[in-house]
């Protein structure tokens, strides 16, 4: 009878993916933003593992389906996070009996003249 436990050992692919994930820490990409957000929530070791798992899923899908990788920017990830947060807030407010309406941000204030620079 085979054991259902995961055997311990050094998985070279996992090590390579973790190293690749760690290199994204200062990257201004979607994956870099994901790693930094997860690090704030989970701590560095778990965030690196989560990002390595995301990299593994991307690599698998690239190889399995032969698709080209479309790299996203950090701003796209920030927009996704913001939209998800807004949706969650609307849902929670509705559950609590509140109606939430989005208002337009305040327009630019009348410009005041810049102070004169004496040289």
PDB file of N, CA and C in Angstrom:
ATOM      1  N   UNK A   1       0.847  -1.178   0.000  1.00  0.00           N
ATOM      2  CA  UNK A   1       0.000   0.000   0.000  1.00  0.00           C
ATOM      3  C   UNK A   1       0.893   1.242   0.000  1.00  0.00           C
ATOM      4  N   UNK A   2       0.568   2.171  -0.876  1.00  0.00           N
ATOM      5  CA  UNK A   2       1.379   3.375  -0.980  1.00  0.00           C
ATOM      6  C   UNK A   2       0.915   4.414   0.031  1.00  0.00           C
ATOM      7  N   UNK A   3       1.863   5.191   0.478  1.00  0.00           N
ATOM      8  CA  UNK A   3       1.559   6.239   1.436  1.00  0.00           C
ATOM      9  C   UNK A   3       0.920   7.426   0.719  1.00  0.00           C
ATOM     10  N   UNK A   4       0.051   8.131   1.419  1.00  0.00           N
ATOM     11  CA  UNK A   4      -0.579   9.319   0.845  1.00  0.00           C
ATOM     12  C   UNK A   4       0.194  10.581   1.200  1.00  0.00           C
ATOM     13  N   UNK A   5       1.251  10.432   1.978  1.00  0.00           N
ATOM     14  CA  UNK A   5       2.049  11.588   2.378  1.00  0.00           C
ATOM     15  C   UNK A   5       2.950  12.035   1.241  1.00  0.00           C
ATOM     16  N   UNK A   6       3.223  13.310   1.199  1.00  0.00           N
ATOM     17  CA  UNK A   6       4.132  13.853   0.199  1.00  0.00           C
ATOM     18  C   UNK A   6       5.554  13.537   0.620  1.00  0.00           C
ATOM     19  N   UNK A   7       6.315  12.989  -0.286  1.00  0.00           N
ATOM     20  CA  UNK A   7       7.699  12.658   0.036  1.00  0.00           C
ATOM     21  C   UNK A   7       8.535  13.930   0.066  1.00  0.00           C
ATOM     22  N   UNK A   8       9.435  13.983   1.026  1.00  0.00           N
ATOM     23  CA  UNK A   8      10.314  15.136   1.106  1.00  0.00           C
ATOM     24  C   UNK A   8      11.450  14.962   0.113  1.00  0.00           C
ATOM     25  N   UNK A   9      11.949  16.053  -0.367  1.00  0.00           N
ATOM     26  CA  UNK A   9      13.047  16.003  -1.319  1.00  0.00           C
ATOM     27  C   UNK A   9      13.244  17.374  -1.927  1.00  0.00           C
ATOM     28  N   UNK A  10      14.285  17.505  -2.709  1.00  0.00           N
ATOM     29  CA  UNK A  10      14.570  18.775  -3.349  1.00  0.00           C
ATOM     30  C   UNK A  10      13.996  18.755  -4.760  1.00  0.00           C
ATOM     31  N   UNK A  11      13.010  19.562  -4.975  1.00  0.00           N
ATOM     32  CA  UNK A  11      12.416  19.675  -6.293  1.00  0.00           C
ATOM     33  C   UNK A  11      13.107  20.841  -6.995  1.00  0.00           C
ATOM     34  N   UNK A  12      13.882  20.526  -8.007  1.00  0.00           N
ATOM     35  CA  UNK A  12      14.655  21.569  -8.681  1.00  0.00           C
ATOM     36  C   UNK A  12      13.768  22.570  -9.395  1.00  0.00           C
ATOM     37  N   UNK A  13      12.644  22.119  -9.911  1.00  0.00           N
ATOM     38  CA  UNK A  13      11.726  23.043 -10.582  1.00  0.00           C
ATOM     39  C   UNK A  13      11.140  24.031  -9.573  1.00  0.00           C
ATOM     40  N   UNK A  14      10.761  23.531  -8.397  1.00  0.00           N
ATOM     41  CA  UNK A  14      10.203  24.405  -7.365  1.00  0.00           C
ATOM     42  C   UNK A  14      11.240  25.421  -6.910  1.00  0.00           C
ATOM     43  N   UNK A  15      12.488  24.981  -6.775  1.00  0.00           N
ATOM     44  CA  UNK A  15      13.560  25.896  -6.372  1.00  0.00           C
ATOM     45  C   UNK A  15      13.751  26.980  -7.422  1.00  0.00           C
ATOM     46  N   UNK A  16      13.745  26.590  -8.692  1.00  0.00           N
ATOM     47  CA  UNK A  16      13.919  27.562  -9.776  1.00  0.00           C
ATOM     48  C   UNK A  16      12.753  28.547  -9.823  1.00  0.00           C
ATOM     49  N   UNK A  17      11.539  28.054  -9.604  1.00  0.00           N
ATOM     50  CA  UNK A  17      10.375  28.940  -9.620  1.00  0.00           C
ATOM     51  C   UNK A  17      10.389  29.899  -8.434  1.00  0.00           C
ATOM     52  N   UNK A  18      10.844  29.428  -7.275  1.00  0.00           N
ATOM     53  CA  UNK A  18      10.948  30.324  -6.117  1.00  0.00           C
ATOM     54  C   UNK A  18      11.992  31.407  -6.357  1.00  0.00           C
ATOM     55  N   UNK A  19      13.100  31.027  -6.964  1.00  0.00           N
ATOM     56  CA  UNK A  19      14.144  32.005  -7.286  1.00  0.00           C
ATOM     57  C   UNK A  19      13.608  33.031  -8.279  1.00  0.00           C
ATOM     58  N   UNK A  20      12.868  32.570  -9.275  1.00  0.00           N
ATOM     59  CA  UNK A  20      12.265  33.485 -10.249  1.00  0.00           C
ATOM     60  C   UNK A  20      11.257  34.406  -9.560  1.00  0.00           C
ATOM     61  N   UNK A  21      10.484  33.858  -8.628  1.00  0.00           N
ATOM     62  CA  UNK A  21       9.506  34.666  -7.901  1.00  0.00           C
ATOM     63  C   UNK A  21      10.207  35.724  -7.057  1.00  0.00           C
ATOM     64  N   UNK A  22      11.294  35.345  -6.407  1.00  0.00           N
ATOM     65  CA  UNK A  22      12.038  36.296  -5.575  1.00  0.00           C
ATOM     66  C   UNK A  22      12.575  37.449  -6.418  1.00  0.00           C
ATOM     67  N   UNK A  23      12.961  37.164  -7.663  1.00  0.00           N
ATOM     68  CA  UNK A  23      13.510  38.213  -8.526  1.00  0.00           C
ATOM     69  C   UNK A  23      12.444  39.227  -8.937  1.00  0.00           C
ATOM     70  N   UNK A  24      11.177  38.900  -8.744  1.00  0.00           N
ATOM     71  CA  UNK A  24      10.091  39.817  -9.100  1.00  0.00           C
ATOM     72  C   UNK A  24       9.819  40.865  -8.022  1.00  0.00           C
ATOM     73  N   UNK A  25      10.512  40.775  -6.894  1.00  0.00           N
ATOM     74  CA  UNK A  25      10.221  41.646  -5.757  1.00  0.00           C
ATOM     75  C   UNK A  25      10.228  43.130  -6.129  1.00  0.00           C
ATOM     76  N   UNK A  26      11.156  43.545  -6.980  1.00  0.00           N
ATOM     77  CA  UNK A  26      11.248  44.963  -7.346  1.00  0.00           C
ATOM     78  C   UNK A  26      10.805  45.221  -8.782  1.00  0.00           C
ATOM     79  N   UNK A  27      10.186  44.234  -9.380  1.00  0.00           N
ATOM     80  CA  UNK A  27       9.726  44.364 -10.759  1.00  0.00           C
ATOM     81  C   UNK A  27       8.434  45.178 -10.803  1.00  0.00           C
ATOM     82  N   UNK A  28       8.330  46.058 -11.776  1.00  0.00           N
ATOM     83  CA  UNK A  28       7.124  46.880 -11.926  1.00  0.00           C
ATOM     84  C   UNK A  28       6.161  46.208 -12.899  1.00  0.00           C
ATOM     85  N   UNK A  29       5.830  44.959 -12.598  1.00  0.00           N
ATOM     86  CA  UNK A  29       4.917  44.189 -13.429  1.00  0.00           C
ATOM     87  C   UNK A  29       3.769  43.690 -12.569  1.00  0.00           C
ATOM     88  N   UNK A  30       2.816  43.062 -13.230  1.00  0.00           N
ATOM     89  CA  UNK A  30       1.659  42.464 -12.569  1.00  0.00           C
ATOM     90  C   UNK A  30       2.111  41.463 -11.501  1.00  0.00           C
ATOM     91  N   UNK A  31       3.049  40.598 -11.862  1.00  0.00           N
ATOM     92  CA  UNK A  31       3.508  39.576 -10.918  1.00  0.00           C
ATOM     93  C   UNK A  31       4.292  40.195  -9.759  1.00  0.00           C
ATOM     94  N   UNK A  32       5.053  41.250 -10.032  1.00  0.00           N
ATOM     95  CA  UNK A  32       5.774  41.936  -8.968  1.00  0.00           C
ATOM     96  C   UNK A  32       4.817  42.571  -7.970  1.00  0.00           C
ATOM     97  N   UNK A  33       3.767  43.204  -8.487  1.00  0.00           N
ATOM     98  CA  UNK A  33       2.762  43.813  -7.609  1.00  0.00           C
ATOM     99  C   UNK A  33       2.039  42.736  -6.802  1.00  0.00           C
ATOM    100  N   UNK A  34       1.750  41.593  -7.448  1.00  0.00           N
ATOM    101  CA  UNK A  34       1.102  40.480  -6.753  1.00  0.00           C
ATOM    102  C   UNK A  34       1.986  39.988  -5.605  1.00  0.00           C
ATOM    103  N   UNK A  35       3.274  39.824  -5.874  1.00  0.00           N
ATOM    104  CA  UNK A  35       4.202  39.340  -4.851  1.00  0.00           C
ATOM    105  C   UNK A  35       4.277  40.309  -3.676  1.00  0.00           C
ATOM    106  N   UNK A  36       4.381  41.593  -3.956  1.00  0.00           N
ATOM    107  CA  UNK A  36       4.474  42.576  -2.867  1.00  0.00           C
ATOM    108  C   UNK A  36       3.191  42.609  -2.037  1.00  0.00           C
ATOM    109  N   UNK A  37       2.044  42.482  -2.688  1.00  0.00           N
ATOM    110  CA  UNK A  37       0.775  42.482  -1.964  1.00  0.00           C
ATOM    111  C   UNK A  37       0.661  41.237  -1.080  1.00  0.00           C
ATOM    112  N   UNK A  38       1.056  40.086  -1.615  1.00  0.00           N
ATOM    113  CA  UNK A  38       1.010  38.851  -0.836  1.00  0.00           C
ATOM    114  C   UNK A  38       2.013  38.893   0.310  1.00  0.00           C
ATOM    115  N   UNK A  39       3.173  39.510   0.082  1.00  0.00           N
ATOM    116  CA  UNK A  39       4.175  39.599   1.147  1.00  0.00           C
ATOM    117  C   UNK A  39       3.637  40.414   2.316  1.00  0.00           C
ATOM    118  N   UNK A  40       2.889  41.473   2.011  1.00  0.00           N
ATOM    119  CA  UNK A  40       2.305  42.286   3.080  1.00  0.00           C
ATOM    120  C   UNK A  40       1.269  41.486   3.870  1.00  0.00           C
ATOM    121  N   UNK A  41       0.539  40.612   3.200  1.00  0.00           N
ATOM    122  CA  UNK A  41      -0.512  39.827   3.846  1.00  0.00           C
ATOM    123  C   UNK A  41       0.013  38.584   4.544  1.00  0.00           C
ATOM    124  N   UNK A  42       0.930  37.859   3.881  1.00  0.00           N
ATOM    125  CA  UNK A  42       1.314  36.527   4.339  1.00  0.00           C
ATOM    126  C   UNK A  42       2.719  36.424   4.921  1.00  0.00           C
ATOM    127  N   UNK A  43       3.563  37.382   4.600  1.00  0.00           N
ATOM    128  CA  UNK A  43       4.974  37.253   4.938  1.00  0.00           C
ATOM    129  C   UNK A  43       5.735  36.786   3.706  1.00  0.00           C
ATOM    130  N   UNK A  44       7.042  37.027   3.700  1.00  0.00           N
ATOM    131  CA  UNK A  44       7.849  36.761   2.508  1.00  0.00           C
ATOM    132  C   UNK A  44       7.879  35.294   2.075  1.00  0.00           C
ATOM    133  N   UNK A  45       8.120  34.328   2.960  1.00  0.00           N
ATOM    134  CA  UNK A  45       8.219  32.941   2.484  1.00  0.00           C
ATOM    135  C   UNK A  45       6.953  32.427   1.800  1.00  0.00           C
ATOM    136  N   UNK A  46       5.800  32.682   2.403  1.00  0.00           N
ATOM    137  CA  UNK A  46       4.552  32.204   1.808  1.00  0.00           C
ATOM    138  C   UNK A  46       4.221  32.971   0.537  1.00  0.00           C
ATOM    139  N   UNK A  47       4.569  34.253   0.502  1.00  0.00           N
ATOM    140  CA  UNK A  47       4.315  35.053  -0.698  1.00  0.00           C
ATOM    141  C   UNK A  47       5.157  34.560  -1.868  1.00  0.00           C
ATOM    142  N   UNK A  48       6.398  34.202  -1.599  1.00  0.00           N
ATOM    143  CA  UNK A  48       7.273  33.689  -2.655  1.00  0.00           C
ATOM    144  C   UNK A  48       6.732  32.365  -3.177  1.00  0.00           C
ATOM    145  N   UNK A  49       6.277  31.499  -2.278  1.00  0.00           N
ATOM    146  CA  UNK A  49       5.709  30.222  -2.696  1.00  0.00           C
ATOM    147  C   UNK A  49       4.439  30.441  -3.518  1.00  0.00           C
ATOM    148  N   UNK A  50       3.589  31.367  -3.099  1.00  0.00           N
ATOM    149  CA  UNK A  50       2.354  31.647  -3.838  1.00  0.00           C
ATOM    150  C   UNK A  50       2.664  32.189  -5.232  1.00  0.00           C
ATOM    151  N   UNK A  51       3.655  33.066  -5.321  1.00  0.00           N
ATOM    152  CA  UNK A  51       4.029  33.628  -6.618  1.00  0.00           C
ATOM    153  C   UNK A  51       4.679  32.570  -7.497  1.00  0.00           C
ATOM    154  N   UNK A  52       5.484  31.693  -6.897  1.00  0.00           N
ATOM    155  CA  UNK A  52       6.083  30.592  -7.657  1.00  0.00           C
ATOM    156  C   UNK A  52       4.989  29.678  -8.206  1.00  0.00           C
ATOM    157  N   UNK A  53       3.944  29.458  -7.412  1.00  0.00           N
ATOM    158  CA  UNK A  53       2.821  28.640  -7.877  1.00  0.00           C
ATOM    159  C   UNK A  53       2.114  29.313  -9.048  1.00  0.00           C
ATOM    160  N   UNK A  54       1.955  30.631  -8.968  1.00  0.00           N
ATOM    161  CA  UNK A  54       1.338  31.376 -10.070  1.00  0.00           C
ATOM    162  C   UNK A  54       2.210  31.275 -11.319  1.00  0.00           C
ATOM    163  N   UNK A  55       3.531  31.379 -11.152  1.00  0.00           N
ATOM    164  CA  UNK A  55       4.448  31.227 -12.289  1.00  0.00           C
ATOM    165  C   UNK A  55       4.344  29.828 -12.891  1.00  0.00           C
ATOM    166  N   UNK A  56       4.220  28.819 -12.038  1.00  0.00           N
ATOM    167  CA  UNK A  56       4.096  27.444 -12.520  1.00  0.00           C
ATOM    168  C   UNK A  56       2.819  27.268 -13.335  1.00  0.00           C
ATOM    169  N   UNK A  57       1.727  27.863 -12.876  1.00  0.00           N
ATOM    170  CA  UNK A  57       0.470  27.764 -13.623  1.00  0.00           C
ATOM    171  C   UNK A  57       0.576  28.471 -14.967  1.00  0.00           C
ATOM    172  N   UNK A  58       1.254  29.620 -14.987  1.00  0.00           N
ATOM    173  CA  UNK A  58       1.449  30.341 -16.249  1.00  0.00           C
ATOM    174  C   UNK A  58       2.287  29.501 -17.201  1.00  0.00           C
ATOM    175  N   UNK A  59       3.399  28.959 -16.699  1.00  0.00           N
ATOM    176  CA  UNK A  59       4.285  28.147 -17.544  1.00  0.00           C
ATOM    177  C   UNK A  59       3.552  26.914 -18.070  1.00  0.00           C
ATOM    178  N   UNK A  60       2.765  26.273 -17.225  1.00  0.00           N
ATOM    179  CA  UNK A  60       2.016  25.088 -17.650  1.00  0.00           C
ATOM    180  C   UNK A  60       1.054  25.436 -18.783  1.00  0.00           C
ATOM    181  N   UNK A  61       0.318  26.523 -18.604  1.00  0.00           N
ATOM    182  CA  UNK A  61      -0.649  26.906 -19.633  1.00  0.00           C
ATOM    183  C   UNK A  61       0.032  27.325 -20.930  1.00  0.00           C
ATOM    184  N   UNK A  62       1.210  27.953 -20.826  1.00  0.00           N
ATOM    185  CA  UNK A  62       1.953  28.314 -22.036  1.00  0.00           C
ATOM    186  C   UNK A  62       2.379  27.062 -22.788  1.00  0.00           C
ATOM    187  N   UNK A  63       2.877  26.066 -22.047  1.00  0.00           N
ATOM    188  CA  UNK A  63       3.329  24.833 -22.697  1.00  0.00           C
ATOM    189  C   UNK A  63       2.154  23.975 -23.161  1.00  0.00           C
ATOM    190  N   UNK A  64       1.123  23.900 -22.365  1.00  0.00           N
ATOM    191  CA  UNK A  64      -0.006  23.018 -22.670  1.00  0.00           C
ATOM    192  C   UNK A  64      -0.805  23.510 -23.864  1.00  0.00           C
ATOM    193  N   UNK A  65      -1.067  24.814 -23.902  1.00  0.00           N
ATOM    194  CA  UNK A  65      -1.937  25.352 -24.942  1.00  0.00           C
ATOM    195  C   UNK A  65      -1.184  26.156 -26.003  1.00  0.00           C
ATOM    196  N   UNK A  66       0.109  26.364 -25.828  1.00  0.00           N
ATOM    197  CA  UNK A  66       0.918  27.062 -26.818  1.00  0.00           C
ATOM    198  C   UNK A  66       0.555  28.520 -27.001  1.00  0.00           C
ATOM    199  N   UNK A  67       0.070  29.141 -25.957  1.00  0.00           N
ATOM    200  CA  UNK A  67      -0.316  30.545 -26.043  1.00  0.00           C
ATOM    201  C   UNK A  67       0.887  31.449 -25.828  1.00  0.00           C
ATOM    202  N   UNK A  68       0.812  32.647 -26.343  1.00  0.00           N
ATOM    203  CA  UNK A  68       1.863  33.638 -26.104  1.00  0.00           C
ATOM    204  C   UNK A  68       1.569  34.324 -24.768  1.00  0.00           C
ATOM    205  N   UNK A  69       2.616  34.644 -24.032  1.00  0.00           N
ATOM    206  CA  UNK A  69       2.445  35.291 -22.732  1.00  0.00           C
ATOM    207  C   UNK A  69       2.247  36.784 -22.939  1.00  0.00           C
ATOM    208  N   UNK A  70       1.171  37.316 -22.416  1.00  0.00           N
ATOM    209  CA  UNK A  70       0.884  38.749 -22.496  1.00  0.00           C
ATOM    210  C   UNK A  70       1.206  39.352 -21.134  1.00  0.00           C
ATOM    211  N   UNK A  71       2.298  40.072 -21.055  1.00  0.00           N
ATOM    212  CA  UNK A  71       2.728  40.640 -19.779  1.00  0.00           C
ATOM    213  C   UNK A  71       1.865  41.841 -19.422  1.00  0.00           C
ATOM    214  N   UNK A  72       1.370  41.847 -18.202  1.00  0.00           N
ATOM    215  CA  UNK A  72       0.543  42.947 -17.715  1.00  0.00           C
ATOM    216  C   UNK A  72       1.408  43.892 -16.896  1.00  0.00           C
ATOM    217  N   UNK A  73       0.965  45.112 -16.814  1.00  0.00           N
ATOM    218  CA  UNK A  73       1.688  46.114 -16.036  1.00  0.00           C
ATOM    219  C   UNK A  73       1.125  46.192 -14.618  1.00  0.00           C
ATOM    220  N   UNK A  74       1.886  46.835 -13.774  1.00  0.00           N
ATOM    221  CA  UNK A  74       1.514  46.987 -12.366  1.00  0.00           C
ATOM    222  C   UNK A  74       0.200  47.758 -12.222  1.00  0.00           C
ATOM    223  N   UNK A  75      -0.012  48.756 -13.081  1.00  0.00           N
ATOM    224  CA  UNK A  75      -1.226  49.572 -13.006  1.00  0.00           C
ATOM    225  C   UNK A  75      -2.476  48.736 -13.271  1.00  0.00           C
ATOM    226  N   UNK A  76      -2.382  47.759 -14.171  1.00  0.00           N
ATOM    227  CA  UNK A  76      -3.526  46.890 -14.452  1.00  0.00           C
ATOM    228  C   UNK A  76      -3.901  46.084 -13.210  1.00  0.00           C
ATOM    229  N   UNK A  77      -2.888  45.600 -12.496  1.00  0.00           N
ATOM    230  CA  UNK A  77      -3.144  44.835 -11.278  1.00  0.00           C
ATOM    231  C   UNK A  77      -3.778  45.739 -10.221  1.00  0.00           C
ATOM    232  N   UNK A  78      -3.282  46.972 -10.103  1.00  0.00           N
ATOM    233  CA  UNK A  78      -3.842  47.911  -9.132  1.00  0.00           C
ATOM    234  C   UNK A  78      -5.307  48.205  -9.458  1.00  0.00           C
ATOM    235  N   UNK A  79      -5.627  48.337 -10.750  1.00  0.00           N
ATOM    236  CA  UNK A  79      -7.018  48.566 -11.148  1.00  0.00           C
ATOM    237  C   UNK A  79      -7.896  47.371 -10.789  1.00  0.00           C
ATOM    238  N   UNK A  80      -7.391  46.157 -11.016  1.00  0.00           N
ATOM    239  CA  UNK A  80      -8.150  44.953 -10.672  1.00  0.00           C
ATOM    240  C   UNK A  80      -8.422  44.892  -9.175  1.00  0.00           C
ATOM    241  N   UNK A  81      -7.402  45.196  -8.383  1.00  0.00           N
ATOM    242  CA  UNK A  81      -7.542  45.157  -6.923  1.00  0.00           C
ATOM    243  C   UNK A  81      -8.568  46.193  -6.480  1.00  0.00           C
ATOM    244  N   UNK A  82      -8.507  47.388  -7.074  1.00  0.00           N
ATOM    245  CA  UNK A  82      -9.444  48.455  -6.711  1.00  0.00           C
ATOM    246  C   UNK A  82     -10.879  48.072  -7.077  1.00  0.00           C
ATOM    247  N   UNK A  83     -11.076  47.525  -8.267  1.00  0.00           N
ATOM    248  CA  UNK A  83     -12.419  47.120  -8.688  1.00  0.00           C
ATOM    249  C   UNK A  83     -12.968  46.020  -7.779  1.00  0.00           C
ATOM    250  N   UNK A  84     -12.115  45.074  -7.412  1.00  0.00           N
ATOM    251  CA  UNK A  84     -12.539  43.993  -6.523  1.00  0.00           C
ATOM    252  C   UNK A  84     -12.926  44.553  -5.157  1.00  0.00           C
ATOM    253  N   UNK A  85     -12.149  45.501  -4.646  1.00  0.00           N
ATOM    254  CA  UNK A  85     -12.434  46.110  -3.353  1.00  0.00           C
ATOM    255  C   UNK A  85     -13.748  46.886  -3.395  1.00  0.00           C
ATOM    256  N   UNK A  86     -13.970  47.655  -4.476  1.00  0.00           N
ATOM    257  CA  UNK A  86     -15.225  48.400  -4.610  1.00  0.00           C
ATOM    258  C   UNK A  86     -16.420  47.452  -4.625  1.00  0.00           C
ATOM    259  N   UNK A  87     -16.294  46.354  -5.360  1.00  0.00           N
ATOM    260  CA  UNK A  87     -17.377  45.374  -5.444  1.00  0.00           C
ATOM    261  C   UNK A  87     -17.667  44.769  -4.070  1.00  0.00           C
ATOM    262  N   UNK A  88     -16.607  44.445  -3.320  1.00  0.00           N
ATOM    263  CA  UNK A  88     -16.782  43.883  -1.981  1.00  0.00           C
ATOM    264  C   UNK A  88     -17.451  44.887  -1.046  1.00  0.00           C
ATOM    265  N   UNK A  89     -17.029  46.158  -1.132  1.00  0.00           N
ATOM    266  CA  UNK A  89     -17.610  47.186  -0.266  1.00  0.00           C
ATOM    267  C   UNK A  89     -19.088  47.400  -0.577  1.00  0.00           C
ATOM    268  N   UNK A  90     -19.445  47.427  -1.869  1.00  0.00           N
ATOM    269  CA  UNK A  90     -20.850  47.577  -2.251  1.00  0.00           C
ATOM    270  C   UNK A  90     -21.677  46.410  -1.717  1.00  0.00           C
ATOM    271  N   UNK A  91     -21.151  45.200  -1.853  1.00  0.00           N
ATOM    272  CA  UNK A  91     -21.880  44.017  -1.392  1.00  0.00           C
ATOM    273  C   UNK A  91     -22.067  44.049   0.124  1.00  0.00           C
ATOM    274  N   UNK A  92     -21.003  44.392   0.852  1.00  0.00           N
ATOM    275  CA  UNK A  92     -21.091  44.431   2.321  1.00  0.00           C
ATOM    276  C   UNK A  92     -22.063  45.513   2.783  1.00  0.00           C
ATOM    277  N   UNK A  93     -22.017  46.680   2.134  1.00  0.00           N
ATOM    278  CA  UNK A  93     -22.929  47.765   2.501  1.00  0.00           C
ATOM    279  C   UNK A  93     -24.376  47.352   2.246  1.00  0.00           C
ATOM    280  N   UNK A  94     -24.621  46.675   1.132  1.00  0.00           N
ATOM    281  CA  UNK A  94     -25.975  46.215   0.810  1.00  0.00           C
ATOM    282  C   UNK A  94     -26.449  45.197   1.840  1.00  0.00           C
ATOM    283  N   UNK A  95     -25.561  44.298   2.266  1.00  0.00           N
ATOM    284  CA  UNK A  95     -25.918  43.308   3.287  1.00  0.00           C
ATOM    285  C   UNK A  95     -26.290  43.975   4.603  1.00  0.00           C
ATOM    286  N   UNK A  96     -25.668  45.118   4.890  1.00  0.00           N
ATOM    287  CA  UNK A  96     -25.934  45.832   6.137  1.00  0.00           C
ATOM    288  C   UNK A  96     -27.080  46.830   6.002  1.00  0.00           C
ATOM    289  N   UNK A  97     -27.680  46.912   4.809  1.00  0.00           N
ATOM    290  CA  UNK A  97     -28.840  47.772   4.626  1.00  0.00           C
ATOM    291  C   UNK A  97     -28.514  49.177   4.156  1.00  0.00           C
ATOM    292  N   UNK A  98     -27.344  49.395   3.635  1.00  0.00           N
ATOM    293  CA  UNK A  98     -26.963  50.711   3.141  1.00  0.00           C
ATOM    294  C   UNK A  98     -26.990  50.728   1.624  1.00  0.00           C
ATOM    295  N   UNK A  99     -27.216  51.902   1.087  1.00  0.00           N
ATOM    296  CA  UNK A  99     -27.143  52.091  -0.354  1.00  0.00           C
ATOM    297  C   UNK A  99     -25.930  52.972  -0.628  1.00  0.00           C
ATOM    298  N   UNK A 100     -25.072  52.500  -1.478  1.00  0.00           N
ATOM    299  CA  UNK A 100     -23.835  53.221  -1.763  1.00  0.00           C
ATOM    300  C   UNK A 100     -23.885  53.718  -3.198  1.00  0.00           C
ATOM    301  N   UNK A 101     -23.579  54.998  -3.366  1.00  0.00           N
ATOM    302  CA  UNK A 101     -23.494  55.573  -4.704  1.00  0.00           C
ATOM    303  C   UNK A 101     -22.098  56.142  -4.884  1.00  0.00           C
ATOM    304  N   UNK A 102     -21.565  55.919  -6.055  1.00  0.00           N
ATOM    305  CA  UNK A 102     -20.241  56.446  -6.356  1.00  0.00           C
ATOM    306  C   UNK A 102     -20.398  57.888  -6.817  1.00  0.00           C
ATOM    307  N   UNK A 103     -19.605  58.768  -6.249  1.00  0.00           N
ATOM    308  CA  UNK A 103     -19.659  60.171  -6.649  1.00  0.00           C
ATOM    309  C   UNK A 103     -18.417  60.506  -7.447  1.00  0.00           C
ATOM    310  N   UNK A 104     -18.554  61.493  -8.284  1.00  0.00           N
ATOM    311  CA  UNK A 104     -17.415  61.917  -9.099  1.00  0.00           C
ATOM    312  C   UNK A 104     -16.393  62.587  -8.191  1.00  0.00           C
ATOM    313  N   UNK A 105     -15.118  62.366  -8.456  1.00  0.00           N
ATOM    314  CA  UNK A 105     -14.107  63.032  -7.638  1.00  0.00           C
ATOM    315  C   UNK A 105     -14.195  64.538  -7.825  1.00  0.00           C
ATOM    316  N   UNK A 106     -13.820  65.247  -6.799  1.00  0.00           N
ATOM    317  CA  UNK A 106     -13.860  66.709  -6.845  1.00  0.00           C
ATOM    318  C   UNK A 106     -12.982  67.204  -7.985  1.00  0.00           C
ATOM    319  N   UNK A 107     -13.491  68.193  -8.686  1.00  0.00           N
ATOM    320  CA  UNK A 107     -12.742  68.756  -9.814  1.00  0.00           C
ATOM    321  C   UNK A 107     -11.509  69.493  -9.325  1.00  0.00           C
ATOM    322  N   UNK A 108     -10.690  69.910 -10.253  1.00  0.00           N
ATOM    323  CA  UNK A 108      -9.480  70.633  -9.850  1.00  0.00           C
ATOM    324  C   UNK A 108      -9.846  71.959  -9.199  1.00  0.00           C
ATOM    325  N   UNK A 109      -9.132  72.300  -8.176  1.00  0.00           N
ATOM    326  CA  UNK A 109      -9.373  73.560  -7.489  1.00  0.00           C
ATOM    327  C   UNK A 109      -8.816  74.691  -8.337  1.00  0.00           C
ATOM    328  N   UNK A 110      -9.371  75.890  -8.178  1.00  0.00           N
ATOM    329  CA  UNK A 110      -8.840  77.018  -8.953  1.00  0.00           C
ATOM    330  C   UNK A 110      -7.353  77.176  -8.668  1.00  0.00           C
ATOM    331  N   UNK A 111      -6.623  77.312  -9.728  1.00  0.00           N
ATOM    332  CA  UNK A 111      -5.166  77.394  -9.586  1.00  0.00           C
ATOM    333  C   UNK A 111      -4.776  78.712  -8.943  1.00  0.00           C
ATOM    334  N   UNK A 112      -3.920  78.627  -7.975  1.00  0.00           N
ATOM    335  CA  UNK A 112      -3.368  79.834  -7.373  1.00  0.00           C
ATOM    336  C   UNK A 112      -2.035  80.108  -8.045  1.00  0.00           C
ATOM    337  N   UNK A 113      -1.715  81.357  -8.234  1.00  0.00           N
ATOM    338  CA  UNK A 113      -0.450  81.649  -8.906  1.00  0.00           C
ATOM    339  C   UNK A 113       0.725  81.119  -8.093  1.00  0.00           C
ATOM    340  N   UNK A 114       1.696  80.600  -8.796  1.00  0.00           N
ATOM    341  CA  UNK A 114       2.889  80.073  -8.132  1.00  0.00           C
ATOM    342  C   UNK A 114       3.684  81.226  -7.545  1.00  0.00           C
ATOM    343  N   UNK A 115       4.300  81.006  -6.385  1.00  0.00           N
ATOM    344  CA  UNK A 115       5.107  82.079  -5.800  1.00  0.00           C
ATOM    345  C   UNK A 115       6.301  82.387  -6.697  1.00  0.00           C
ATOM    346  N   UNK A 116       6.647  83.642  -6.701  1.00  0.00           N
ATOM    347  CA  UNK A 116       7.775  84.075  -7.529  1.00  0.00           C
ATOM    348  C   UNK A 116       9.069  83.515  -6.953  1.00  0.00           C
ATOM    349  N   UNK A 117       9.930  83.081  -7.827  1.00  0.00           N
ATOM    350  CA  UNK A 117      11.216  82.538  -7.416  1.00  0.00           C
ATOM    351  C   UNK A 117      12.262  83.616  -7.618  1.00  0.00           C
ATOM    352  N   UNK A 118      12.961  83.932  -6.546  1.00  0.00           N
ATOM    353  CA  UNK A 118      14.006  84.954  -6.618  1.00  0.00           C
ATOM    354  C   UNK A 118      15.342  84.248  -6.758  1.00  0.00           C
ATOM    355  N   UNK A 119      16.074  84.601  -7.793  1.00  0.00           N
ATOM    356  CA  UNK A 119      17.388  83.986  -7.983  1.00  0.00           C
ATOM    357  C   UNK A 119      18.483  84.992  -7.902  1.00  0.00           C
TER     358      UNK A 119
END
